[in-house]
Amino acid sequence: MAGMHDKIQSCLRSVAIVLISVTISGAQAPSDAGSKTVPLSKVERKNKAPVSRDVLRVKLPKAAEFKLPNGLTVLVIEDHRLPLVTARLLLEGAGALGDPRDLPGLANMTAAMLKEGTKTRSSKQIAEEIERLGATINATAPWGSEEANLTASGLSDNIGEWFPLAGDILLNPTFPESELNNLKQRMKVQLRQQRSSPFFLLQERFDQAVYGNHPASITAPTPQSIDKITQEMLAKWHSEKYVPQNALLGIAGDVRPDDVRQMLSKLPEWKGGIAKAVLPAPTTPVSGRKVFVVDRSGSVQTDVALGNIAVDRIDPDYVAMVVMDRVVGGGASARLFMNLREVHGYTYGAYSHLIARRYAGPWSAQGSMRTDATAGAMTEFMNEINRIRDQPVTESELEENKRAIVAGFARSLEQPNQLLDYAMQLKIYGLPPDYWDTYPAKIMAVTAEQVQRVARKYIVPDNLQIVAVGDAGKIKPVLDKFGPVEVYDTNGNPKVTP
């Protein structure tokens, strides 16, 4: 391992990766230890940093694509600058979104059990072999996702060993009873720990508020579902869902398409059933503003989230929503952060998020603040939501945020893994082949009128779903003025309050 580590470090030191240079404006704080801190209110922003007005032009490397007789689609992106390779397998229809309603956690447990034993290797042997090879192999079935993922990475020098190991884990799991029992115990401990986390409680209640009866509203298994799931259920889910015709394999790094074909031909035959992956049901925004409080008696802070369902990934409004989200809460220079932290000192940070998948996900604004600052923070959240709807973004603020998005995109192109992700998104969402080549231009073309239009369309104050986690006795009176309040305990059960 030491020699392997030295080899990687040597390559990293010797290879200079310079794909794209983007000029972004910024100010550097004085480094003189004796200088005095200037209050924010006294800072004069001259906006004289040099900024390039050219639109970033890129041409991403195109993935080599081929399909195997069993239906597996394969994408390969070559990058020979470092002796590293990453493989990512997406299994459509095998994710948590497809869990039976009474068995949340089935997809998640199936993925977690893949490394716990195969027909020829025990859990311990798999772990030791992965460590010996200096590789990484993981499988997940994220909540809210229609896909399960198997990722593997390592050195190109020994890909002939770790790639077949990943293939064995994928194709030949045995789901040993003893390892399943151990996993169940770990998951139950994790459930208890989650119930003490305000961030988990906030996300759980918010997803239930905006998604309603949609499968995306489920964010964790239950103790009862964990106990119900058997070895036979896992094996059945694997045989029905882990099929090549519903899979997409992406490989990036120091490897060639012919090498990939040869490695795949040496794996055991992957046969699959005829199950066709079912696309997730559509989602719709909730009508009417509602407030949900999760009571953590004695909590000294309040965690809040406000939002509703917005757009899916291929919606024509998606790009304008990305820009709008950046303006409102996309970073430490965005409006929410500057208002709630820098101006009022209510919180360490406040941000917004946009989730867009095959089905429409939510736009939300979130933050944590002192309990006694809940009223002021909620007022400012609403002020910023109304401002983005009622007032056009200034040209300078719009330009700054669009260039920040493009700069982040440019930096991401330095990573082969990210290039692979972009190539796989083209396939998953059916995007045009030149989508990422023209992405910077699409961002820079967004106007202030478009930002205001999507804000008015998708951020409707009267339909906001508001979730707060904190001491209900102190924050419910504050939140009563924002709409009818429902109170829940930390186990998710309705709670009667005076």
Protein backbone atom coordinates (compact mmCIF):
# COMPACT_ATOMS: atom_id res chain seq x y z
CA MET A 1 0.00 0.00 0.00
CA ALA A 2 2.86 2.37 0.83
CA GLY A 3 4.38 1.93 -2.61
CA MET A 4 1.00 2.45 -4.23
CA HIS A 5 0.45 5.63 -2.21
CA ASP A 6 3.90 6.95 -3.17
CA LYS A 7 3.15 6.28 -6.83
CA ILE A 8 -0.10 8.23 -6.71
CA GLN A 9 1.53 11.12 -4.87
CA SER A 10 4.37 11.22 -7.37
CA CYS A 11 1.92 11.37 -10.26
CA LEU A 12 -0.11 14.08 -8.60
CA ARG A 13 3.01 16.18 -8.07
CA SER A 14 4.25 15.70 -11.61
CA VAL A 15 1.00 16.27 -13.49
CA ALA A 16 -0.30 19.84 -13.94
CA ILE A 17 -3.97 19.86 -14.81
CA VAL A 18 -4.96 23.09 -16.47
CA LEU A 19 -8.14 22.68 -18.56
CA ILE A 20 -9.90 25.99 -18.27
CA SER A 21 -9.09 29.34 -16.70
CA VAL A 22 -11.98 31.44 -15.53
CA THR A 23 -11.56 34.93 -14.13
CA ILE A 24 -13.85 35.63 -11.23
CA SER A 25 -14.08 38.72 -9.14
CA GLY A 26 -13.16 38.63 -5.47
CA ALA A 27 -11.53 40.53 -2.68
CA GLN A 28 -8.67 39.35 -0.48
CA ALA A 29 -8.67 40.20 3.22
CA PRO A 30 -5.55 41.93 4.54
CA SER A 31 -2.99 39.50 6.00
CA ASP A 32 -1.33 42.04 8.31
CA ALA A 33 -1.83 40.71 11.84
CA GLY A 34 -1.94 44.25 13.16
CA SER A 35 -4.71 45.45 10.89
CA LYS A 36 -8.12 46.21 12.36
CA THR A 37 -11.32 44.42 11.38
CA VAL A 38 -13.65 46.69 9.44
CA PRO A 39 -17.38 46.23 10.19
CA LEU A 40 -19.40 44.98 7.24
CA SER A 41 -21.51 48.12 7.25
CA LYS A 42 -18.34 50.22 6.72
CA VAL A 43 -16.99 48.16 3.82
CA GLU A 44 -17.07 50.00 0.50
CA ARG A 45 -17.50 47.65 -2.46
CA LYS A 46 -15.85 49.30 -5.44
CA ASN A 47 -16.48 46.34 -7.80
CA LYS A 48 -13.31 47.13 -9.69
CA ALA A 49 -11.85 43.63 -9.80
CA PRO A 50 -11.03 42.64 -13.41
CA VAL A 51 -13.75 40.41 -14.85
CA SER A 52 -13.74 38.71 -18.23
CA ARG A 53 -16.92 39.33 -20.21
CA ASP A 54 -16.33 36.41 -22.56
CA VAL A 55 -18.70 33.45 -22.33
CA LEU A 56 -16.88 30.25 -21.43
CA ARG A 57 -16.61 27.91 -24.42
CA VAL A 58 -15.95 24.24 -23.78
CA LYS A 59 -16.13 20.96 -25.63
CA LEU A 60 -16.35 18.03 -23.28
CA PRO A 61 -14.73 14.75 -24.30
CA LYS A 62 -17.33 12.44 -25.77
CA ALA A 63 -17.70 9.04 -24.17
CA ALA A 64 -17.14 5.95 -26.28
CA GLU A 65 -20.41 4.00 -26.13
CA PHE A 66 -21.26 0.39 -26.86
CA LYS A 67 -23.91 -2.13 -25.87
CA LEU A 68 -23.41 -5.74 -24.88
CA PRO A 69 -25.64 -8.58 -26.13
CA ASN A 70 -27.23 -8.83 -22.66
CA GLY A 71 -28.49 -5.25 -22.92
CA LEU A 72 -25.89 -3.49 -20.75
CA THR A 73 -24.99 -0.01 -22.02
CA VAL A 74 -21.36 1.00 -21.46
CA LEU A 75 -19.75 4.48 -21.56
CA VAL A 76 -15.96 4.96 -21.46
CA ILE A 77 -14.10 8.27 -21.01
CA GLU A 78 -10.33 8.04 -21.44
CA ASP A 79 -8.04 10.13 -19.25
CA HIS A 80 -4.46 8.90 -19.09
CA ARG A 81 -2.97 11.70 -16.97
CA LEU A 82 -3.15 9.64 -13.78
CA PRO A 83 -3.04 5.83 -13.31
CA LEU A 84 -6.55 5.80 -11.83
CA VAL A 85 -9.87 4.34 -12.98
CA THR A 86 -13.41 4.79 -11.68
CA ALA A 87 -16.35 2.58 -12.63
CA ARG A 88 -19.95 3.44 -11.82
CA LEU A 89 -22.93 1.18 -12.45
CA LEU A 90 -26.47 2.59 -12.30
CA LEU A 91 -29.29 0.06 -11.95
CA GLU A 92 -32.55 1.72 -12.89
CA GLY A 93 -35.54 0.49 -10.90
CA ALA A 94 -33.41 -0.98 -8.10
CA GLY A 95 -33.42 2.14 -5.92
CA ALA A 96 -35.35 2.94 -2.75
CA LEU A 97 -38.09 4.68 -4.70
CA GLY A 98 -39.33 1.23 -5.76
CA ASP A 99 -39.52 -0.24 -2.25
CA PRO A 100 -42.78 -2.01 -1.42
CA ARG A 101 -44.86 0.37 0.69
CA ASP A 102 -44.71 -1.93 3.73
CA LEU A 103 -40.99 -2.69 3.34
CA PRO A 104 -39.06 0.59 3.29
CA GLY A 105 -35.36 -0.24 3.33
CA LEU A 106 -35.48 -3.32 1.08
CA ALA A 107 -33.48 -1.71 -1.74
CA ASN A 108 -31.09 -0.08 0.72
CA MET A 109 -30.41 -3.35 2.55
CA THR A 110 -29.93 -5.28 -0.69
CA ALA A 111 -27.22 -2.85 -1.80
CA ALA A 112 -25.58 -2.84 1.65
CA MET A 113 -25.43 -6.65 1.69
CA LEU A 114 -23.66 -7.06 -1.66
CA LYS A 115 -20.19 -6.89 -0.05
CA GLU A 116 -21.10 -9.23 2.81
CA GLY A 117 -20.40 -12.46 0.97
CA THR A 118 -20.42 -14.10 -2.47
CA LYS A 119 -20.38 -17.72 -3.65
CA THR A 120 -16.57 -17.79 -3.40
CA ARG A 121 -15.69 -15.09 -0.86
CA SER A 122 -16.70 -14.31 2.70
CA SER A 123 -17.32 -10.79 3.98
CA LYS A 124 -13.89 -10.79 5.62
CA GLN A 125 -12.15 -12.00 2.46
CA ILE A 126 -13.83 -9.29 0.39
CA ALA A 127 -12.73 -6.57 2.83
CA GLU A 128 -9.15 -7.87 2.96
CA GLU A 129 -8.91 -8.13 -0.81
CA ILE A 130 -10.21 -4.60 -1.34
CA GLU A 131 -7.64 -3.29 1.16
CA ARG A 132 -4.79 -5.27 -0.41
CA LEU A 133 -5.58 -3.89 -3.84
CA GLY A 134 -5.94 -0.32 -2.60
CA ALA A 135 -9.36 -0.20 -4.21
CA THR A 136 -12.74 1.19 -3.17
CA ILE A 137 -15.99 -0.67 -3.80
CA ASN A 138 -19.36 0.52 -2.51
CA ALA A 139 -23.03 -0.06 -3.25
CA THR A 140 -25.94 2.19 -2.29
CA ALA A 141 -29.64 2.64 -2.99
CA PRO A 142 -30.28 6.24 -1.90
CA TRP A 143 -33.61 7.36 -0.52
CA GLY A 144 -35.69 9.17 -3.12
CA SER A 145 -33.72 7.64 -6.00
CA GLU A 146 -35.03 5.19 -8.58
CA GLU A 147 -31.51 3.80 -9.06
CA ALA A 148 -29.11 1.64 -7.10
CA ASN A 149 -25.40 2.40 -7.55
CA LEU A 150 -22.30 0.24 -7.50
CA THR A 151 -19.03 2.20 -7.65
CA ALA A 152 -15.51 0.84 -7.82
CA SER A 153 -12.19 2.62 -8.22
CA GLY A 154 -8.50 1.87 -8.01
CA LEU A 155 -5.20 1.91 -9.87
CA SER A 156 -5.12 1.07 -13.55
CA ASP A 157 -2.10 -1.16 -12.86
CA ASN A 158 -4.21 -3.73 -11.00
CA ILE A 159 -7.61 -3.15 -12.58
CA GLY A 160 -7.45 -6.75 -13.73
CA GLU A 161 -7.92 -7.74 -10.08
CA TRP A 162 -10.29 -5.20 -8.53
CA PHE A 163 -12.66 -4.99 -11.50
CA PRO A 164 -13.43 -8.75 -11.45
CA LEU A 165 -13.84 -8.48 -7.65
CA ALA A 166 -16.49 -5.81 -8.16
CA GLY A 167 -18.12 -8.05 -10.76
CA ASP A 168 -18.25 -10.94 -8.26
CA ILE A 169 -19.86 -8.67 -5.65
CA LEU A 170 -22.45 -7.54 -8.17
CA LEU A 171 -23.33 -10.89 -9.72
CA ASN A 172 -22.87 -13.47 -6.97
CA PRO A 173 -24.04 -12.15 -3.58
CA THR A 174 -25.30 -14.77 -1.13
CA PHE A 175 -26.78 -12.44 1.54
CA PRO A 176 -25.53 -14.57 4.49
CA GLU A 177 -27.98 -14.77 7.40
CA SER A 178 -25.39 -13.91 10.05
CA GLU A 179 -24.26 -10.78 8.20
CA LEU A 180 -27.88 -9.77 7.61
CA ASN A 181 -28.58 -9.96 11.34
CA ASN A 182 -25.53 -7.80 12.04
CA LEU A 183 -26.71 -5.24 9.46
CA LYS A 184 -30.15 -5.13 11.04
CA GLN A 185 -28.66 -4.36 14.44
CA ARG A 186 -26.53 -1.57 13.00
CA MET A 187 -29.51 -0.08 11.18
CA LYS A 188 -31.61 -0.02 14.34
CA VAL A 189 -28.86 1.80 16.20
CA GLN A 190 -28.63 4.26 13.33
CA LEU A 191 -32.39 4.85 13.47
CA ARG A 192 -32.17 5.75 17.15
CA GLN A 193 -29.29 8.11 16.47
CA GLN A 194 -31.19 9.78 13.62
CA ARG A 195 -34.10 10.54 15.93
CA SER A 196 -31.77 12.71 18.00
CA SER A 197 -30.57 14.70 14.98
CA PRO A 198 -32.51 17.90 14.17
CA PHE A 199 -31.23 17.78 10.60
CA PHE A 200 -32.71 14.32 10.01
CA LEU A 201 -35.99 15.29 11.68
CA LEU A 202 -36.19 18.41 9.52
CA GLN A 203 -35.56 16.53 6.28
CA GLU A 204 -37.95 13.72 7.18
CA ARG A 205 -40.84 16.04 7.98
CA PHE A 206 -40.14 18.36 5.04
CA ASP A 207 -40.13 15.46 2.54
CA GLN A 208 -43.39 14.20 3.96
CA ALA A 209 -44.86 17.70 3.74
CA VAL A 210 -43.97 18.34 0.08
CA TYR A 211 -44.22 14.80 -1.37
CA GLY A 212 -47.32 13.59 0.48
CA ASN A 213 -48.06 9.98 -0.53
CA HIS A 214 -45.33 9.87 -3.19
CA PRO A 215 -42.60 7.25 -2.49
CA ALA A 216 -40.03 10.07 -2.27
CA SER A 217 -41.60 11.07 1.06
CA ILE A 218 -39.96 8.06 2.73
CA THR A 219 -36.46 8.79 4.01
CA ALA A 220 -35.73 5.88 6.39
CA PRO A 221 -36.80 2.34 7.18
CA THR A 222 -38.80 1.50 10.28
CA PRO A 223 -37.81 -0.97 13.02
CA GLN A 224 -40.73 -3.11 11.87
CA SER A 225 -39.64 -3.17 8.21
CA ILE A 226 -36.07 -3.99 9.21
CA ASP A 227 -37.31 -6.99 11.19
CA LYS A 228 -39.54 -8.17 8.32
CA ILE A 229 -36.87 -8.25 5.60
CA THR A 230 -35.44 -11.72 5.02
CA GLN A 231 -32.57 -13.26 3.12
CA GLU A 232 -35.07 -14.58 0.54
CA MET A 233 -36.50 -11.08 -0.02
CA LEU A 234 -33.04 -9.67 -0.69
CA ALA A 235 -32.20 -12.47 -3.14
CA LYS A 236 -35.52 -11.97 -4.96
CA TRP A 237 -35.04 -8.18 -5.19
CA HIS A 238 -31.52 -8.73 -6.54
CA SER A 239 -32.57 -11.27 -9.17
CA GLU A 240 -35.48 -9.12 -10.39
CA LYS A 241 -33.96 -5.63 -10.21
CA TYR A 242 -30.21 -6.10 -10.82
CA VAL A 243 -30.58 -6.83 -14.53
CA PRO A 244 -28.30 -5.70 -17.38
CA GLN A 245 -30.98 -4.28 -19.67
CA ASN A 246 -31.84 -1.69 -17.00
CA ALA A 247 -28.20 -0.86 -16.22
CA LEU A 248 -25.74 1.80 -17.35
CA LEU A 249 -22.02 1.27 -16.75
CA GLY A 250 -19.71 4.28 -16.91
CA ILE A 251 -15.91 4.02 -16.69
CA ALA A 252 -13.47 6.92 -16.63
CA GLY A 253 -9.71 7.16 -16.29
CA ASP A 254 -6.58 5.41 -17.47
CA VAL A 255 -8.34 2.78 -19.57
CA ARG A 256 -9.34 2.23 -23.20
CA PRO A 257 -12.68 1.03 -24.59
CA ASP A 258 -11.11 -2.16 -25.96
CA ASP A 259 -9.68 -2.91 -22.50
CA VAL A 260 -13.14 -2.50 -20.99
CA ARG A 261 -14.70 -4.84 -23.56
CA GLN A 262 -12.08 -7.45 -22.78
CA MET A 263 -12.56 -7.18 -19.00
CA LEU A 264 -16.32 -7.47 -19.35
CA SER A 265 -15.98 -10.55 -21.54
CA LYS A 266 -14.02 -12.29 -18.76
CA LEU A 267 -16.70 -11.74 -16.11
CA PRO A 268 -19.29 -14.44 -15.40
CA GLU A 269 -22.25 -14.23 -17.73
CA TRP A 270 -24.73 -11.64 -16.49
CA LYS A 271 -28.22 -12.77 -17.33
CA GLY A 272 -31.24 -10.81 -16.30
CA GLY A 273 -34.96 -11.15 -16.20
CA ILE A 274 -37.25 -9.22 -18.45
CA ALA A 275 -38.37 -6.72 -15.81
CA LYS A 276 -38.58 -3.25 -17.29
CA ALA A 277 -37.78 -0.41 -14.93
CA VAL A 278 -40.85 1.68 -14.12
CA LEU A 279 -40.41 5.44 -14.19
CA PRO A 280 -41.35 7.25 -10.96
CA ALA A 281 -44.78 8.77 -10.65
CA PRO A 282 -45.02 12.54 -11.19
CA THR A 283 -45.16 14.94 -8.27
CA THR A 284 -47.27 18.06 -7.84
CA PRO A 285 -46.95 21.09 -5.55
CA VAL A 286 -49.01 21.10 -2.36
CA SER A 287 -51.79 23.69 -2.23
CA GLY A 288 -52.22 25.90 0.81
CA ARG A 289 -49.59 27.02 3.28
CA LYS A 290 -49.02 24.65 6.19
CA VAL A 291 -46.64 24.71 9.17
CA PHE A 292 -45.18 21.60 10.81
CA VAL A 293 -43.30 21.70 14.10
CA VAL A 294 -41.21 18.80 15.38
CA ASP A 295 -40.95 19.25 19.13
CA ARG A 296 -37.49 18.90 20.69
CA SER A 297 -38.23 20.18 24.17
CA GLY A 298 -35.35 22.14 25.63
CA SER A 299 -33.63 22.72 22.29
CA VAL A 300 -31.68 25.98 22.18
CA GLN A 301 -31.99 26.39 18.41
CA THR A 302 -34.59 26.15 15.68
CA ASP A 303 -33.98 24.48 12.32
CA VAL A 304 -36.33 25.56 9.56
CA ALA A 305 -37.10 24.67 5.95
CA LEU A 306 -39.55 26.44 3.63
CA GLY A 307 -40.47 25.35 0.12
CA ASN A 308 -42.56 23.29 -2.26
CA ILE A 309 -42.29 21.13 -5.38
CA ALA A 310 -40.66 22.96 -8.31
CA VAL A 311 -39.23 21.38 -11.51
CA ASP A 312 -37.86 18.10 -12.83
CA ARG A 313 -34.45 17.83 -14.46
CA ILE A 314 -35.59 18.23 -18.06
CA ASP A 315 -38.05 21.06 -17.45
CA PRO A 316 -37.34 24.07 -19.72
CA ASP A 317 -37.35 26.24 -16.56
CA TYR A 318 -34.54 24.24 -14.93
CA VAL A 319 -31.66 26.50 -16.00
CA ALA A 320 -33.46 29.67 -14.91
CA MET A 321 -34.23 27.97 -11.58
CA VAL A 322 -30.52 27.20 -11.11
CA VAL A 323 -29.72 30.90 -11.49
CA MET A 324 -32.59 32.00 -9.26
CA ASP A 325 -31.52 29.53 -6.57
CA ARG A 326 -27.95 30.83 -6.71
CA VAL A 327 -29.12 34.43 -6.24
CA VAL A 328 -31.34 33.61 -3.25
CA GLY A 329 -29.29 31.09 -1.32
CA GLY A 330 -26.63 29.36 -3.40
CA GLY A 331 -23.63 30.34 -1.27
CA ALA A 332 -22.04 32.63 1.30
CA SER A 333 -22.48 35.66 -0.96
CA ALA A 334 -26.16 34.97 -1.67
CA ARG A 335 -29.05 36.96 -0.25
CA LEU A 336 -30.15 34.61 2.53
CA PHE A 337 -26.64 34.28 3.96
CA MET A 338 -25.92 38.00 3.77
CA ASN A 339 -29.26 38.91 5.32
CA LEU A 340 -29.70 36.38 8.11
CA ARG A 341 -26.05 36.07 9.11
CA GLU A 342 -24.14 39.18 8.10
CA VAL A 343 -26.83 41.80 8.63
CA HIS A 344 -28.93 40.36 11.44
CA GLY A 345 -26.67 37.77 13.07
CA TYR A 346 -29.51 35.24 13.45
CA THR A 347 -27.60 32.20 12.18
CA TYR A 348 -24.24 30.81 11.12
CA GLY A 349 -25.64 30.25 7.65
CA ALA A 350 -28.80 30.17 5.55
CA TYR A 351 -29.04 28.63 2.12
CA SER A 352 -31.44 27.43 -0.56
CA HIS A 353 -31.48 24.17 -2.49
CA LEU A 354 -32.99 22.89 -5.73
CA ILE A 355 -33.58 19.17 -6.22
CA ALA A 356 -34.54 18.03 -9.72
CA ARG A 357 -34.72 14.40 -10.79
CA ARG A 358 -36.84 12.46 -13.26
CA TYR A 359 -39.69 13.68 -11.13
CA ALA A 360 -40.06 17.25 -9.90
CA GLY A 361 -38.31 17.87 -6.60
CA PRO A 362 -38.54 20.80 -4.20
CA TRP A 363 -36.94 24.18 -4.02
CA SER A 364 -36.32 25.01 -0.36
CA ALA A 365 -34.72 27.62 1.87
CA GLN A 366 -33.13 26.35 5.07
CA GLY A 367 -31.27 27.60 8.11
CA SER A 368 -30.59 27.12 11.81
CA MET A 369 -30.91 29.91 14.34
CA ARG A 370 -31.13 30.58 18.09
CA THR A 371 -34.56 29.87 19.51
CA ASP A 372 -35.03 33.51 20.46
CA ALA A 373 -34.18 34.55 16.88
CA THR A 374 -36.85 32.35 15.27
CA ALA A 375 -39.35 35.19 14.77
CA GLY A 376 -36.81 37.54 13.20
CA ALA A 377 -35.33 34.82 11.00
CA MET A 378 -38.74 33.74 9.70
CA THR A 379 -39.55 37.34 8.86
CA GLU A 380 -36.34 37.67 6.84
CA PHE A 381 -36.87 34.34 5.07
CA MET A 382 -40.25 35.62 3.92
CA ASN A 383 -38.79 39.01 3.01
CA GLU A 384 -36.23 37.39 0.71
CA ILE A 385 -38.85 35.11 -0.86
CA ASN A 386 -41.05 38.11 -1.58
CA ARG A 387 -38.10 40.17 -2.85
CA ILE A 388 -37.04 37.63 -5.48
CA ARG A 389 -40.66 37.51 -6.67
CA ASP A 390 -41.46 41.22 -6.57
CA GLN A 391 -38.24 42.93 -7.63
CA PRO A 392 -36.11 42.15 -10.71
CA VAL A 393 -32.53 41.17 -9.90
CA THR A 394 -30.09 43.96 -10.69
CA GLU A 395 -27.87 43.44 -13.70
CA SER A 396 -24.67 43.41 -11.61
CA GLU A 397 -26.01 40.86 -9.10
CA LEU A 398 -27.35 38.66 -11.89
CA GLU A 399 -24.06 38.79 -13.79
CA GLU A 400 -22.03 37.97 -10.68
CA ASN A 401 -24.13 34.93 -9.85
CA LYS A 402 -24.22 33.59 -13.39
CA ARG A 403 -20.45 33.83 -13.63
CA ALA A 404 -20.10 32.06 -10.28
CA ILE A 405 -22.18 29.15 -11.63
CA VAL A 406 -20.09 28.97 -14.79
CA ALA A 407 -16.86 29.15 -12.78
CA GLY A 408 -17.98 26.22 -10.63
CA PHE A 409 -18.86 24.27 -13.76
CA ALA A 410 -15.45 25.02 -15.26
CA ARG A 411 -13.65 23.79 -12.13
CA SER A 412 -15.67 20.56 -12.17
CA LEU A 413 -14.29 19.72 -15.63
CA GLU A 414 -10.88 19.05 -14.10
CA GLN A 415 -12.23 15.84 -12.55
CA PRO A 416 -12.62 12.73 -14.77
CA ASN A 417 -15.28 11.45 -12.36
CA GLN A 418 -17.36 14.56 -12.93
CA LEU A 419 -16.96 14.27 -16.70
CA LEU A 420 -18.24 10.72 -16.38
CA ASP A 421 -21.21 11.92 -14.35
CA TYR A 422 -22.05 14.50 -17.03
CA ALA A 423 -21.87 11.83 -19.74
CA MET A 424 -24.15 9.53 -17.76
CA GLN A 425 -26.67 12.32 -17.19
CA LEU A 426 -26.96 12.73 -20.95
CA LYS A 427 -28.13 9.11 -21.14
CA ILE A 428 -30.29 9.10 -18.01
CA TYR A 429 -32.27 12.21 -18.87
CA GLY A 430 -32.10 12.00 -22.66
CA LEU A 431 -30.34 15.36 -22.94
CA PRO A 432 -28.95 16.61 -26.30
CA PRO A 433 -25.36 15.50 -27.06
CA ASP A 434 -24.11 19.10 -26.88
CA TYR A 435 -25.98 19.93 -23.67
CA TRP A 436 -22.86 20.41 -21.51
CA ASP A 437 -20.89 22.13 -24.29
CA THR A 438 -23.58 24.82 -24.39
CA TYR A 439 -24.34 24.85 -20.64
CA PRO A 440 -22.27 28.00 -19.87
CA ALA A 441 -24.01 29.87 -22.69
CA LYS A 442 -27.42 28.74 -21.42
CA ILE A 443 -26.61 30.02 -17.94
CA MET A 444 -25.27 33.35 -19.20
CA ALA A 445 -28.37 33.84 -21.37
CA VAL A 446 -30.75 33.82 -18.37
CA THR A 447 -32.33 37.25 -17.89
CA ALA A 448 -33.63 39.08 -14.84
CA GLU A 449 -37.14 38.69 -16.23
CA GLN A 450 -36.73 34.90 -16.42
CA VAL A 451 -35.45 34.75 -12.85
CA GLN A 452 -38.42 36.72 -11.61
CA ARG A 453 -40.84 34.64 -13.70
CA VAL A 454 -39.70 31.27 -12.29
CA ALA A 455 -39.62 32.69 -8.77
CA ARG A 456 -43.24 33.78 -9.11
CA LYS A 457 -44.22 30.46 -10.64
CA TYR A 458 -42.52 28.05 -8.22
CA ILE A 459 -42.09 29.98 -4.95
CA VAL A 460 -45.65 30.84 -4.00
CA PRO A 461 -45.86 32.22 -0.44
CA ASP A 462 -49.45 31.01 0.03
CA ASN A 463 -48.37 27.44 -0.82
CA LEU A 464 -45.15 27.24 1.18
CA GLN A 465 -44.68 24.16 3.33
CA ILE A 466 -42.87 25.31 6.47
CA VAL A 467 -41.13 22.89 8.82
CA ALA A 468 -39.43 23.85 12.08
CA VAL A 469 -37.58 21.61 14.54
CA GLY A 470 -37.13 23.01 18.03
CA ASP A 471 -38.81 23.65 21.36
CA ALA A 472 -42.50 23.73 20.40
CA GLY A 473 -43.49 25.56 23.56
CA LYS A 474 -41.35 28.52 22.48
CA ILE A 475 -41.57 28.48 18.69
CA LYS A 476 -45.19 27.46 18.03
CA PRO A 477 -46.56 30.86 19.12
CA VAL A 478 -44.12 32.48 16.68
CA LEU A 479 -45.13 30.20 13.81
CA ASP A 480 -48.89 30.43 14.38
CA LYS A 481 -49.03 33.62 12.31
CA PHE A 482 -47.59 31.82 9.25
CA GLY A 483 -50.40 29.26 8.97
CA PRO A 484 -52.14 26.36 10.70
CA VAL A 485 -49.58 24.46 12.79
CA GLU A 486 -49.30 20.71 13.27
CA VAL A 487 -46.97 19.48 16.03
CA TYR A 488 -45.14 16.13 15.97
CA ASP A 489 -42.83 14.34 18.39
CA THR A 490 -39.38 13.12 17.37
CA ASN A 491 -40.81 9.71 16.44
CA GLY A 492 -43.02 11.31 13.81
CA ASN A 493 -46.26 10.96 15.73
CA PRO A 494 -48.84 13.80 15.95
CA LYS A 495 -48.69 15.59 19.27
CA VAL A 496 -51.57 17.36 20.97
CA THR A 497 -50.61 20.78 22.27
CA PRO A 498 -52.60 23.23 24.40
